[in-house]
Every structure is written in C-alpha cells, then in structure tokens.
C-alpha cells in the first residue's frame, strides 16, 4: 500500500520480483512513465482500465511494454467487460470486443441501439 503512490517504489518492486503482468489505471501508468528510473520490462503485459486511456499515453505504453490491453467494464457488470490489445499502429485505444459470455450494445442518449 505504501508503494501505491510512489513511482520509485513501484518500479523497484516490478524489477525486484520480475513482475510480468501489471494492472493499473491510466493515472498510475502516467505516473510511472513520467518518473525517472528504469523503464517497464519489455516483456511486461500492461492492463489498463478504470479510466479512459488517452491516445498519447497508449502510444507511450505500447512503445515501452511487451503487450498493452485497454480494458473496460462498468462496475455493475464486473471489473472488465471488454478488451482490446493495442499496437503501435493504433491512432487511439478502442474498447474492443466483449470478454467471453458477454454481449455489448452501443446505445444513443435515448437508449436506442
């Protein structure tokens, strides 16, 4: 818990324990990338959710990490309902496709498909 808001401590934990998967919000990812020190391991799988993922941050994550996933899910359903793997060619992160046993509907302001 003490390391949750300290980018130096978080990066040290990742390095020390050889972490291969990290889930965090875009705010936390930005904090980690903006902090000096070791980069994310190139083999690290990055899971990003809880907030909208800005395109500039998505590009930075893809450039540093081995694999980056944008995850979406309203609290009412689960932690994640949709996922999309990002690549260096993407202009912006997408919500992606539903996870297994899930259906997504895109509705307008009047709740029409």
PDB file of N, CA and C in Angstrom:
ATOM      1  N   UNK A   1       0.819  -1.198   0.000  1.00  0.00           N
ATOM      2  CA  UNK A   1       0.000   0.000   0.000  1.00  0.00           C
ATOM      3  C   UNK A   1       0.862   1.261   0.000  1.00  0.00           C
ATOM      4  N   UNK A   2       1.942   1.250   0.741  1.00  0.00           N
ATOM      5  CA  UNK A   2       2.811   2.421   0.820  1.00  0.00           C
ATOM      6  C   UNK A   2       3.430   2.754  -0.535  1.00  0.00           C
ATOM      7  N   UNK A   3       3.577   1.755  -1.384  1.00  0.00           N
ATOM      8  CA  UNK A   3       4.200   1.975  -2.689  1.00  0.00           C
ATOM      9  C   UNK A   3       3.201   2.390  -3.762  1.00  0.00           C
ATOM     10  N   UNK A   4       1.913   2.340  -3.466  1.00  0.00           N
ATOM     11  CA  UNK A   4       0.899   2.577  -4.498  1.00  0.00           C
ATOM     12  C   UNK A   4       0.987   3.945  -5.150  1.00  0.00           C
ATOM     13  N   UNK A   5       1.455   4.936  -4.441  1.00  0.00           N
ATOM     14  CA  UNK A   5       1.539   6.292  -4.990  1.00  0.00           C
ATOM     15  C   UNK A   5       2.984   6.764  -5.121  1.00  0.00           C
ATOM     16  N   UNK A   6       3.916   5.846  -5.028  1.00  0.00           N
ATOM     17  CA  UNK A   6       5.337   6.181  -5.121  1.00  0.00           C
ATOM     18  C   UNK A   6       5.930   5.462  -6.325  1.00  0.00           C
ATOM     19  N   UNK A   7       6.133   6.181  -7.436  1.00  0.00           N
ATOM     20  CA  UNK A   7       6.603   5.511  -8.656  1.00  0.00           C
ATOM     21  C   UNK A   7       7.955   4.829  -8.487  1.00  0.00           C
ATOM     22  N   UNK A   8       8.846   5.393  -7.693  1.00  0.00           N
ATOM     23  CA  UNK A   8      10.152   4.756  -7.493  1.00  0.00           C
ATOM     24  C   UNK A   8       9.987   3.407  -6.791  1.00  0.00           C
ATOM     25  N   UNK A   9       9.139   3.348  -5.768  1.00  0.00           N
ATOM     26  CA  UNK A   9       8.909   2.095  -5.055  1.00  0.00           C
ATOM     27  C   UNK A   9       8.214   1.070  -5.945  1.00  0.00           C
ATOM     28  N   UNK A  10       7.221   1.520  -6.728  1.00  0.00           N
ATOM     29  CA  UNK A  10       6.533   0.592  -7.621  1.00  0.00           C
ATOM     30  C   UNK A  10       7.480   0.005  -8.658  1.00  0.00           C
ATOM     31  N   UNK A  11       8.304   0.844  -9.264  1.00  0.00           N
ATOM     32  CA  UNK A  11       9.256   0.347 -10.256  1.00  0.00           C
ATOM     33  C   UNK A  11      10.260  -0.614  -9.630  1.00  0.00           C
ATOM     34  N   UNK A  12      10.682  -0.325  -8.396  1.00  0.00           N
ATOM     35  CA  UNK A  12      11.618  -1.219  -7.708  1.00  0.00           C
ATOM     36  C   UNK A  12      10.983  -2.586  -7.454  1.00  0.00           C
ATOM     37  N   UNK A  13       9.712  -2.602  -7.077  1.00  0.00           N
ATOM     38  CA  UNK A  13       9.006  -3.865  -6.842  1.00  0.00           C
ATOM     39  C   UNK A  13       8.919  -4.666  -8.142  1.00  0.00           C
ATOM     40  N   UNK A  14       8.575  -3.992  -9.232  1.00  0.00           N
ATOM     41  CA  UNK A  14       8.482  -4.660 -10.536  1.00  0.00           C
ATOM     42  C   UNK A  14       9.816  -5.281 -10.907  1.00  0.00           C
ATOM     43  N   UNK A  15      10.895  -4.538 -10.739  1.00  0.00           N
ATOM     44  CA  UNK A  15      12.228  -5.039 -11.079  1.00  0.00           C
ATOM     45  C   UNK A  15      12.642  -6.192 -10.161  1.00  0.00           C
ATOM     46  N   UNK A  16      12.458  -6.003  -8.869  1.00  0.00           N
ATOM     47  CA  UNK A  16      12.914  -6.984  -7.878  1.00  0.00           C
ATOM     48  C   UNK A  16      12.207  -8.327  -8.031  1.00  0.00           C
ATOM     49  N   UNK A  17      10.926  -8.302  -8.316  1.00  0.00           N
ATOM     50  CA  UNK A  17      10.144  -9.533  -8.365  1.00  0.00           C
ATOM     51  C   UNK A  17       9.903 -10.060  -9.780  1.00  0.00           C
ATOM     52  N   UNK A  18      10.461  -9.396 -10.771  1.00  0.00           N
ATOM     53  CA  UNK A  18      10.291  -9.849 -12.148  1.00  0.00           C
ATOM     54  C   UNK A  18       8.834  -9.890 -12.563  1.00  0.00           C
ATOM     55  N   UNK A  19       8.089  -8.866 -12.184  1.00  0.00           N
ATOM     56  CA  UNK A  19       6.659  -8.808 -12.485  1.00  0.00           C
ATOM     57  C   UNK A  19       6.451  -8.863 -14.001  1.00  0.00           C
ATOM     58  N   UNK A  20       5.506  -9.697 -14.423  1.00  0.00           N
ATOM     59  CA  UNK A  20       5.268  -9.842 -15.859  1.00  0.00           C
ATOM     60  C   UNK A  20       3.898  -9.319 -16.296  1.00  0.00           C
ATOM     61  N   UNK A  21       2.984  -9.050 -15.343  1.00  0.00           N
ATOM     62  CA  UNK A  21       1.662  -8.506 -15.640  1.00  0.00           C
ATOM     63  C   UNK A  21       1.350  -7.444 -14.603  1.00  0.00           C
ATOM     64  N   UNK A  22       0.946  -6.271 -15.087  1.00  0.00           N
ATOM     65  CA  UNK A  22       0.580  -5.182 -14.172  1.00  0.00           C
ATOM     66  C   UNK A  22      -0.742  -4.588 -14.631  1.00  0.00           C
ATOM     67  N   UNK A  23      -1.674  -4.460 -13.704  1.00  0.00           N
ATOM     68  CA  UNK A  23      -2.956  -3.801 -13.969  1.00  0.00           C
ATOM     69  C   UNK A  23      -2.968  -2.484 -13.208  1.00  0.00           C
ATOM     70  N   UNK A  24      -3.298  -1.397 -13.913  1.00  0.00           N
ATOM     71  CA  UNK A  24      -3.356  -0.086 -13.273  1.00  0.00           C
ATOM     72  C   UNK A  24      -4.250   0.846 -14.082  1.00  0.00           C
ATOM     73  N   UNK A  25      -4.604   1.958 -13.476  1.00  0.00           N
ATOM     74  CA  UNK A  25      -5.375   2.984 -14.162  1.00  0.00           C
ATOM     75  C   UNK A  25      -4.444   3.817 -15.039  1.00  0.00           C
ATOM     76  N   UNK A  26      -4.983   4.535 -16.022  1.00  0.00           N
ATOM     77  CA  UNK A  26      -4.150   5.434 -16.809  1.00  0.00           C
ATOM     78  C   UNK A  26      -3.393   6.448 -15.937  1.00  0.00           C
ATOM     79  N   UNK A  27      -4.012   6.924 -14.884  1.00  0.00           N
ATOM     80  CA  UNK A  27      -3.326   7.881 -13.994  1.00  0.00           C
ATOM     81  C   UNK A  27      -2.067   7.266 -13.396  1.00  0.00           C
ATOM     82  N   UNK A  28      -2.165   6.017 -12.975  1.00  0.00           N
ATOM     83  CA  UNK A  28      -0.997   5.344 -12.399  1.00  0.00           C
ATOM     84  C   UNK A  28       0.047   5.073 -13.466  1.00  0.00           C
ATOM     85  N   UNK A  29      -0.390   4.659 -14.662  1.00  0.00           N
ATOM     86  CA  UNK A  29       0.574   4.431 -15.742  1.00  0.00           C
ATOM     87  C   UNK A  29       1.317   5.716 -16.083  1.00  0.00           C
ATOM     88  N   UNK A  30       0.599   6.824 -16.143  1.00  0.00           N
ATOM     89  CA  UNK A  30       1.259   8.100 -16.452  1.00  0.00           C
ATOM     90  C   UNK A  30       2.284   8.444 -15.375  1.00  0.00           C
ATOM     91  N   UNK A  31       1.914   8.238 -14.104  1.00  0.00           N
ATOM     92  CA  UNK A  31       2.841   8.492 -13.005  1.00  0.00           C
ATOM     93  C   UNK A  31       4.108   7.658 -13.176  1.00  0.00           C
ATOM     94  N   UNK A  32       3.942   6.379 -13.519  1.00  0.00           N
ATOM     95  CA  UNK A  32       5.108   5.512 -13.686  1.00  0.00           C
ATOM     96  C   UNK A  32       5.972   5.922 -14.873  1.00  0.00           C
ATOM     97  N   UNK A  33       5.345   6.243 -15.991  1.00  0.00           N
ATOM     98  CA  UNK A  33       6.115   6.610 -17.183  1.00  0.00           C
ATOM     99  C   UNK A  33       6.784   7.968 -17.046  1.00  0.00           C
ATOM    100  N   UNK A  34       6.174   8.883 -16.304  1.00  0.00           N
ATOM    101  CA  UNK A  34       6.750  10.216 -16.133  1.00  0.00           C
ATOM    102  C   UNK A  34       7.901  10.237 -15.133  1.00  0.00           C
ATOM    103  N   UNK A  35       8.029   9.188 -14.340  1.00  0.00           N
ATOM    104  CA  UNK A  35       9.070   9.127 -13.318  1.00  0.00           C
ATOM    105  C   UNK A  35      10.378   8.616 -13.915  1.00  0.00           C
ATOM    106  N   UNK A  36      11.479   9.257 -13.528  1.00  0.00           N
ATOM    107  CA  UNK A  36      12.792   8.773 -13.950  1.00  0.00           C
ATOM    108  C   UNK A  36      13.046   7.409 -13.326  1.00  0.00           C
ATOM    109  N   UNK A  37      13.986   6.717 -13.874  1.00  0.00           N
ATOM    110  CA  UNK A  37      14.312   5.399 -13.342  1.00  0.00           C
ATOM    111  C   UNK A  37      14.132   4.358 -14.421  1.00  0.00           C
ATOM    112  N   UNK A  38      14.173   3.092 -14.027  1.00  0.00           N
ATOM    113  CA  UNK A  38      14.099   2.027 -15.030  1.00  0.00           C
ATOM    114  C   UNK A  38      12.768   2.040 -15.780  1.00  0.00           C
ATOM    115  N   UNK A  39      12.835   1.677 -17.038  1.00  0.00           N
ATOM    116  CA  UNK A  39      11.624   1.563 -17.861  1.00  0.00           C
ATOM    117  C   UNK A  39      10.896   0.283 -17.483  1.00  0.00           C
ATOM    118  N   UNK A  40       9.683   0.149 -17.955  1.00  0.00           N
ATOM    119  CA  UNK A  40       8.952  -1.093 -17.764  1.00  0.00           C
ATOM    120  C   UNK A  40       9.688  -2.204 -18.505  1.00  0.00           C
ATOM    121  N   UNK A  41       9.691  -3.405 -17.961  1.00  0.00           N
ATOM    122  CA  UNK A  41      10.327  -4.509 -18.694  1.00  0.00           C
ATOM    123  C   UNK A  41       9.641  -4.706 -20.050  1.00  0.00           C
ATOM    124  N   UNK A  42      10.417  -4.943 -21.087  1.00  0.00           N
ATOM    125  CA  UNK A  42       9.867  -5.107 -22.434  1.00  0.00           C
ATOM    126  C   UNK A  42       8.941  -6.316 -22.523  1.00  0.00           C
ATOM    127  N   UNK A  43       9.078  -7.254 -21.605  1.00  0.00           N
ATOM    128  CA  UNK A  43       8.231  -8.444 -21.623  1.00  0.00           C
ATOM    129  C   UNK A  43       6.983  -8.289 -20.760  1.00  0.00           C
ATOM    130  N   UNK A  44       6.771  -7.127 -20.188  1.00  0.00           N
ATOM    131  CA  UNK A  44       5.663  -6.896 -19.269  1.00  0.00           C
ATOM    132  C   UNK A  44       4.335  -6.758 -20.016  1.00  0.00           C
ATOM    133  N   UNK A  45       3.305  -7.426 -19.520  1.00  0.00           N
ATOM    134  CA  UNK A  45       1.950  -7.290 -20.059  1.00  0.00           C
ATOM    135  C   UNK A  45       1.259  -6.198 -19.248  1.00  0.00           C
ATOM    136  N   UNK A  46       0.826  -5.151 -19.925  1.00  0.00           N
ATOM    137  CA  UNK A  46       0.195  -3.987 -19.305  1.00  0.00           C
ATOM    138  C   UNK A  46      -1.312  -4.074 -19.483  1.00  0.00           C
ATOM    139  N   UNK A  47      -2.050  -4.014 -18.377  1.00  0.00           N
ATOM    140  CA  UNK A  47      -3.506  -3.996 -18.396  1.00  0.00           C
ATOM    141  C   UNK A  47      -3.941  -2.630 -17.886  1.00  0.00           C
ATOM    142  N   UNK A  48      -4.720  -1.928 -18.691  1.00  0.00           N
ATOM    143  CA  UNK A  48      -5.093  -0.556 -18.363  1.00  0.00           C
ATOM    144  C   UNK A  48      -6.603  -0.426 -18.336  1.00  0.00           C
ATOM    145  N   UNK A  49      -7.153   0.023 -17.214  1.00  0.00           N
ATOM    146  CA  UNK A  49      -8.590   0.186 -17.098  1.00  0.00           C
ATOM    147  C   UNK A  49      -8.950   1.117 -15.958  1.00  0.00           C
ATOM    148  N   UNK A  50     -10.228   1.323 -15.776  1.00  0.00           N
ATOM    149  CA  UNK A  50     -10.707   2.160 -14.681  1.00  0.00           C
ATOM    150  C   UNK A  50     -10.923   3.605 -15.057  1.00  0.00           C
ATOM    151  N   UNK A  51     -10.321   4.036 -16.140  1.00  0.00           N
ATOM    152  CA  UNK A  51     -10.457   5.403 -16.671  1.00  0.00           C
ATOM    153  C   UNK A  51     -10.254   5.313 -18.178  1.00  0.00           C
ATOM    154  N   UNK A  52     -10.652   6.358 -18.878  1.00  0.00           N
ATOM    155  CA  UNK A  52     -10.384   6.411 -20.317  1.00  0.00           C
ATOM    156  C   UNK A  52      -8.876   6.486 -20.536  1.00  0.00           C
ATOM    157  N   UNK A  53      -8.396   5.746 -21.514  1.00  0.00           N
ATOM    158  CA  UNK A  53      -6.971   5.718 -21.836  1.00  0.00           C
ATOM    159  C   UNK A  53      -6.683   6.743 -22.931  1.00  0.00           C
ATOM    160  N   UNK A  54      -5.985   7.840 -22.592  1.00  0.00           N
ATOM    161  CA  UNK A  54      -5.680   8.859 -23.604  1.00  0.00           C
ATOM    162  C   UNK A  54      -4.738   8.306 -24.687  1.00  0.00           C
ATOM    163  N   UNK A  55      -4.934   8.714 -25.930  1.00  0.00           N
ATOM    164  CA  UNK A  55      -4.101   8.206 -27.034  1.00  0.00           C
ATOM    165  C   UNK A  55      -2.603   8.411 -26.816  1.00  0.00           C
ATOM    166  N   UNK A  56      -2.197   9.563 -26.279  1.00  0.00           N
ATOM    167  CA  UNK A  56      -0.765   9.800 -26.087  1.00  0.00           C
ATOM    168  C   UNK A  56      -0.178   8.808 -25.085  1.00  0.00           C
ATOM    169  N   UNK A  57      -0.914   8.502 -24.036  1.00  0.00           N
ATOM    170  CA  UNK A  57      -0.442   7.536 -23.041  1.00  0.00           C
ATOM    171  C   UNK A  57      -0.432   6.128 -23.633  1.00  0.00           C
ATOM    172  N   UNK A  58      -1.434   5.799 -24.423  1.00  0.00           N
ATOM    173  CA  UNK A  58      -1.469   4.488 -25.079  1.00  0.00           C
ATOM    174  C   UNK A  58      -0.227   4.288 -25.941  1.00  0.00           C
ATOM    175  N   UNK A  59       0.156   5.303 -26.716  1.00  0.00           N
ATOM    176  CA  UNK A  59       1.353   5.201 -27.563  1.00  0.00           C
ATOM    177  C   UNK A  59       2.608   4.998 -26.715  1.00  0.00           C
ATOM    178  N   UNK A  60       2.704   5.718 -25.605  1.00  0.00           N
ATOM    179  CA  UNK A  60       3.874   5.575 -24.731  1.00  0.00           C
ATOM    180  C   UNK A  60       3.942   4.172 -24.129  1.00  0.00           C
ATOM    181  N   UNK A  61       2.813   3.642 -23.717  1.00  0.00           N
ATOM    182  CA  UNK A  61       2.794   2.296 -23.140  1.00  0.00           C
ATOM    183  C   UNK A  61       3.188   1.250 -24.173  1.00  0.00           C
ATOM    184  N   UNK A  62       2.631   1.349 -25.369  1.00  0.00           N
ATOM    185  CA  UNK A  62       2.959   0.390 -26.430  1.00  0.00           C
ATOM    186  C   UNK A  62       4.444   0.446 -26.755  1.00  0.00           C
ATOM    187  N   UNK A  63       5.028   1.634 -26.733  1.00  0.00           N
ATOM    188  CA  UNK A  63       6.452   1.784 -27.047  1.00  0.00           C
ATOM    189  C   UNK A  63       7.350   1.128 -25.991  1.00  0.00           C
ATOM    190  N   UNK A  64       6.879   1.046 -24.752  1.00  0.00           N
ATOM    191  CA  UNK A  64       7.723   0.517 -23.676  1.00  0.00           C
ATOM    192  C   UNK A  64       7.429  -0.921 -23.289  1.00  0.00           C
ATOM    193  N   UNK A  65       6.182  -1.326 -23.342  1.00  0.00           N
ATOM    194  CA  UNK A  65       5.806  -2.632 -22.809  1.00  0.00           C
ATOM    195  C   UNK A  65       5.688  -3.676 -23.909  1.00  0.00           C
ATOM    196  N   UNK A  66       5.743  -4.917 -23.512  1.00  0.00           N
ATOM    197  CA  UNK A  66       5.632  -6.002 -24.470  1.00  0.00           C
ATOM    198  C   UNK A  66       4.227  -6.174 -25.019  1.00  0.00           C
ATOM    199  N   UNK A  67       3.219  -5.922 -24.205  1.00  0.00           N
ATOM    200  CA  UNK A  67       1.829  -6.130 -24.609  1.00  0.00           C
ATOM    201  C   UNK A  67       0.959  -5.176 -23.795  1.00  0.00           C
ATOM    202  N   UNK A  68       0.056  -4.458 -24.466  1.00  0.00           N
ATOM    203  CA  UNK A  68      -0.807  -3.486 -23.790  1.00  0.00           C
ATOM    204  C   UNK A  68      -2.259  -3.784 -24.135  1.00  0.00           C
ATOM    205  N   UNK A  69      -3.100  -3.869 -23.090  1.00  0.00           N
ATOM    206  CA  UNK A  69      -4.530  -4.123 -23.259  1.00  0.00           C
ATOM    207  C   UNK A  69      -5.321  -2.988 -22.641  1.00  0.00           C
ATOM    208  N   UNK A  70      -6.265  -2.438 -23.398  1.00  0.00           N
ATOM    209  CA  UNK A  70      -7.223  -1.476 -22.870  1.00  0.00           C
ATOM    210  C   UNK A  70      -8.435  -2.278 -22.417  1.00  0.00           C
ATOM    211  N   UNK A  71      -8.819  -2.120 -21.164  1.00  0.00           N
ATOM    212  CA  UNK A  71      -9.904  -2.894 -20.579  1.00  0.00           C
ATOM    213  C   UNK A  71     -11.025  -1.965 -20.159  1.00  0.00           C
ATOM    214  N   UNK A  72     -12.253  -2.414 -20.352  1.00  0.00           N
ATOM    215  CA  UNK A  72     -13.409  -1.602 -19.992  1.00  0.00           C
ATOM    216  C   UNK A  72     -14.439  -2.473 -19.296  1.00  0.00           C
ATOM    217  N   UNK A  73     -15.091  -1.905 -18.302  1.00  0.00           N
ATOM    218  CA  UNK A  73     -16.183  -2.612 -17.660  1.00  0.00           C
ATOM    219  C   UNK A  73     -16.842  -1.739 -16.618  1.00  0.00           C
ATOM    220  N   UNK A  74     -18.142  -1.535 -16.740  1.00  0.00           N
ATOM    221  CA  UNK A  74     -18.836  -0.790 -15.698  1.00  0.00           C
ATOM    222  C   UNK A  74     -18.898  -1.621 -14.418  1.00  0.00           C
ATOM    223  N   UNK A  75     -18.875  -0.966 -13.310  1.00  0.00           N
ATOM    224  CA  UNK A  75     -18.889  -1.638 -12.011  1.00  0.00           C
ATOM    225  C   UNK A  75     -20.050  -2.613 -11.891  1.00  0.00           C
ATOM    226  N   UNK A  76     -21.174  -2.289 -12.525  1.00  0.00           N
ATOM    227  CA  UNK A  76     -22.358  -3.126 -12.394  1.00  0.00           C
ATOM    228  C   UNK A  76     -22.189  -4.519 -13.008  1.00  0.00           C
ATOM    229  N   UNK A  77     -21.238  -4.687 -13.912  1.00  0.00           N
ATOM    230  CA  UNK A  77     -21.092  -5.992 -14.557  1.00  0.00           C
ATOM    231  C   UNK A  77     -19.933  -6.779 -13.961  1.00  0.00           C
ATOM    232  N   UNK A  78     -18.778  -6.206 -13.948  1.00  0.00           N
ATOM    233  CA  UNK A  78     -17.570  -6.883 -13.473  1.00  0.00           C
ATOM    234  C   UNK A  78     -16.429  -5.885 -13.560  1.00  0.00           C
ATOM    235  N   UNK A  79     -15.249  -6.335 -13.290  1.00  0.00           N
ATOM    236  CA  UNK A  79     -14.099  -5.451 -13.446  1.00  0.00           C
ATOM    237  C   UNK A  79     -13.886  -5.145 -14.928  1.00  0.00           C
ATOM    238  N   UNK A  80     -13.992  -6.159 -15.784  1.00  0.00           N
ATOM    239  CA  UNK A  80     -13.820  -5.983 -17.224  1.00  0.00           C
ATOM    240  C   UNK A  80     -14.985  -6.616 -17.961  1.00  0.00           C
ATOM    241  N   UNK A  81     -15.441  -5.925 -18.987  1.00  0.00           N
ATOM    242  CA  UNK A  81     -16.465  -6.482 -19.869  1.00  0.00           C
ATOM    243  C   UNK A  81     -15.973  -6.547 -21.311  1.00  0.00           C
ATOM    244  N   UNK A  82     -15.003  -5.698 -21.633  1.00  0.00           N
ATOM    245  CA  UNK A  82     -14.459  -5.654 -22.992  1.00  0.00           C
ATOM    246  C   UNK A  82     -12.952  -5.470 -22.911  1.00  0.00           C
ATOM    247  N   UNK A  83     -12.279  -5.934 -23.969  1.00  0.00           N
ATOM    248  CA  UNK A  83     -10.824  -5.779 -24.004  1.00  0.00           C
ATOM    249  C   UNK A  83     -10.371  -5.564 -25.432  1.00  0.00           C
ATOM    250  N   UNK A  84      -9.248  -4.828 -25.555  1.00  0.00           N
ATOM    251  CA  UNK A  84      -8.670  -4.569 -26.871  1.00  0.00           C
ATOM    252  C   UNK A  84      -7.157  -4.498 -26.717  1.00  0.00           C
ATOM    253  N   UNK A  85      -6.454  -5.319 -27.486  1.00  0.00           N
ATOM    254  CA  UNK A  85      -4.992  -5.265 -27.471  1.00  0.00           C
ATOM    255  C   UNK A  85      -4.544  -4.138 -28.382  1.00  0.00           C
ATOM    256  N   UNK A  86      -3.703  -3.277 -27.847  1.00  0.00           N
ATOM    257  CA  UNK A  86      -3.208  -2.124 -28.597  1.00  0.00           C
ATOM    258  C   UNK A  86      -1.947  -2.498 -29.355  1.00  0.00           C
ATOM    259  N   UNK A  87      -1.736  -1.805 -30.468  1.00  0.00           N
ATOM    260  CA  UNK A  87      -0.478  -1.971 -31.183  1.00  0.00           C
ATOM    261  C   UNK A  87       0.055  -0.606 -31.577  1.00  0.00           C
ATOM    262  N   UNK A  88       1.263  -0.581 -32.053  1.00  0.00           N
ATOM    263  CA  UNK A  88       1.932   0.683 -32.368  1.00  0.00           C
ATOM    264  C   UNK A  88       1.241   1.449 -33.485  1.00  0.00           C
ATOM    265  N   UNK A  89       0.437   0.785 -34.291  1.00  0.00           N
ATOM    266  CA  UNK A  89      -0.203   1.432 -35.427  1.00  0.00           C
ATOM    267  C   UNK A  89      -1.515   2.124 -35.054  1.00  0.00           C
ATOM    268  N   UNK A  90      -2.044   1.864 -33.879  1.00  0.00           N
ATOM    269  CA  UNK A  90      -3.354   2.399 -33.498  1.00  0.00           C
ATOM    270  C   UNK A  90      -3.301   3.906 -33.278  1.00  0.00           C
ATOM    271  N   UNK A  91      -4.288   4.616 -33.815  1.00  0.00           N
ATOM    272  CA  UNK A  91      -4.393   6.057 -33.595  1.00  0.00           C
ATOM    273  C   UNK A  91      -4.942   6.368 -32.212  1.00  0.00           C
ATOM    274  N   UNK A  92      -5.808   5.477 -31.748  1.00  0.00           N
ATOM    275  CA  UNK A  92      -6.428   5.693 -30.442  1.00  0.00           C
ATOM    276  C   UNK A  92      -6.843   4.338 -29.874  1.00  0.00           C
ATOM    277  N   UNK A  93      -6.892   4.229 -28.556  1.00  0.00           N
ATOM    278  CA  UNK A  93      -7.341   2.965 -27.969  1.00  0.00           C
ATOM    279  C   UNK A  93      -8.830   2.745 -28.183  1.00  0.00           C
ATOM    280  N   UNK A  94      -9.214   1.513 -28.425  1.00  0.00           N
ATOM    281  CA  UNK A  94     -10.609   1.159 -28.626  1.00  0.00           C
ATOM    282  C   UNK A  94     -11.106   0.363 -27.419  1.00  0.00           C
ATOM    283  N   UNK A  95     -12.432   0.299 -27.254  1.00  0.00           N
ATOM    284  CA  UNK A  95     -12.989  -0.540 -26.199  1.00  0.00           C
ATOM    285  C   UNK A  95     -12.808  -2.008 -26.532  1.00  0.00           C
ATOM    286  N   UNK A  96     -12.854  -2.335 -27.792  1.00  0.00           N
ATOM    287  CA  UNK A  96     -12.605  -3.697 -28.208  1.00  0.00           C
ATOM    288  C   UNK A  96     -13.833  -4.580 -28.190  1.00  0.00           C
ATOM    289  N   UNK A  97     -13.592  -5.856 -28.042  1.00  0.00           N
ATOM    290  CA  UNK A  97     -14.641  -6.874 -28.096  1.00  0.00           C
ATOM    291  C   UNK A  97     -14.997  -7.334 -26.695  1.00  0.00           C
ATOM    292  N   UNK A  98     -16.215  -7.864 -26.543  1.00  0.00           N
ATOM    293  CA  UNK A  98     -16.609  -8.355 -25.224  1.00  0.00           C
ATOM    294  C   UNK A  98     -15.795  -9.576 -24.803  1.00  0.00           C
ATOM    295  N   UNK A  99     -15.612  -9.723 -23.511  1.00  0.00           N
ATOM    296  CA  UNK A  99     -14.987 -10.931 -22.988  1.00  0.00           C
ATOM    297  C   UNK A  99     -15.981 -12.082 -23.139  1.00  0.00           C
ATOM    298  N   UNK A 100     -15.550 -13.304 -22.893  1.00  0.00           N
ATOM    299  CA  UNK A 100     -16.411 -14.467 -23.028  1.00  0.00           C
ATOM    300  C   UNK A 100     -17.695 -14.363 -22.213  1.00  0.00           C
ATOM    301  N   UNK A 101     -18.771 -14.891 -22.764  1.00  0.00           N
ATOM    302  CA  UNK A 101     -20.083 -14.923 -22.126  1.00  0.00           C
ATOM    303  C   UNK A 101     -20.634 -13.519 -21.860  1.00  0.00           C
ATOM    304  N   UNK A 102     -20.252 -12.563 -22.698  1.00  0.00           N
ATOM    305  CA  UNK A 102     -20.677 -11.174 -22.537  1.00  0.00           C
ATOM    306  C   UNK A 102     -21.092 -10.621 -23.890  1.00  0.00           C
ATOM    307  N   UNK A 103     -22.105  -9.761 -23.905  1.00  0.00           N
ATOM    308  CA  UNK A 103     -22.552  -9.077 -25.113  1.00  0.00           C
ATOM    309  C   UNK A 103     -22.510  -7.581 -24.845  1.00  0.00           C
ATOM    310  N   UNK A 104     -22.041  -6.826 -25.815  1.00  0.00           N
ATOM    311  CA  UNK A 104     -22.004  -5.366 -25.693  1.00  0.00           C
ATOM    312  C   UNK A 104     -23.016  -4.746 -26.642  1.00  0.00           C
ATOM    313  N   UNK A 105     -23.674  -3.706 -26.201  1.00  0.00           N
ATOM    314  CA  UNK A 105     -24.574  -2.926 -27.038  1.00  0.00           C
ATOM    315  C   UNK A 105     -24.158  -1.470 -26.945  1.00  0.00           C
ATOM    316  N   UNK A 106     -24.083  -0.796 -28.069  1.00  0.00           N
ATOM    317  CA  UNK A 106     -23.786   0.630 -28.094  1.00  0.00           C
ATOM    318  C   UNK A 106     -25.128   1.354 -28.259  1.00  0.00           C
ATOM    319  N   UNK A 107     -25.456   2.210 -27.305  1.00  0.00           N
ATOM    320  CA  UNK A 107     -26.746   2.895 -27.284  1.00  0.00           C
ATOM    321  C   UNK A 107     -26.559   4.389 -27.408  1.00  0.00           C
ATOM    322  N   UNK A 108     -27.578   5.055 -27.966  1.00  0.00           N
ATOM    323  CA  UNK A 108     -27.541   6.504 -28.032  1.00  0.00           C
ATOM    324  C   UNK A 108     -28.124   7.081 -26.732  1.00  0.00           C
ATOM    325  N   UNK A 109     -28.275   8.377 -26.680  1.00  0.00           N
ATOM    326  CA  UNK A 109     -28.790   9.050 -25.496  1.00  0.00           C
ATOM    327  C   UNK A 109     -30.199   8.652 -25.105  1.00  0.00           C
ATOM    328  N   UNK A 110     -30.944   8.111 -26.071  1.00  0.00           N
ATOM    329  CA  UNK A 110     -32.318   7.646 -25.793  1.00  0.00           C
ATOM    330  C   UNK A 110     -32.370   6.130 -25.563  1.00  0.00           C
ATOM    331  N   UNK A 111     -31.222   5.522 -25.386  1.00  0.00           N
ATOM    332  CA  UNK A 111     -31.090   4.080 -25.156  1.00  0.00           C
ATOM    333  C   UNK A 111     -31.514   3.229 -26.351  1.00  0.00           C
ATOM    334  N   UNK A 112     -31.374   3.782 -27.559  1.00  0.00           N
ATOM    335  CA  UNK A 112     -31.612   3.027 -28.787  1.00  0.00           C
ATOM    336  C   UNK A 112     -30.289   2.472 -29.281  1.00  0.00           C
ATOM    337  N   UNK A 113     -30.365   1.269 -29.897  1.00  0.00           N
ATOM    338  CA  UNK A 113     -29.144   0.670 -30.464  1.00  0.00           C
ATOM    339  C   UNK A 113     -28.545   1.570 -31.522  1.00  0.00           C
TER     340      UNK A 113
END
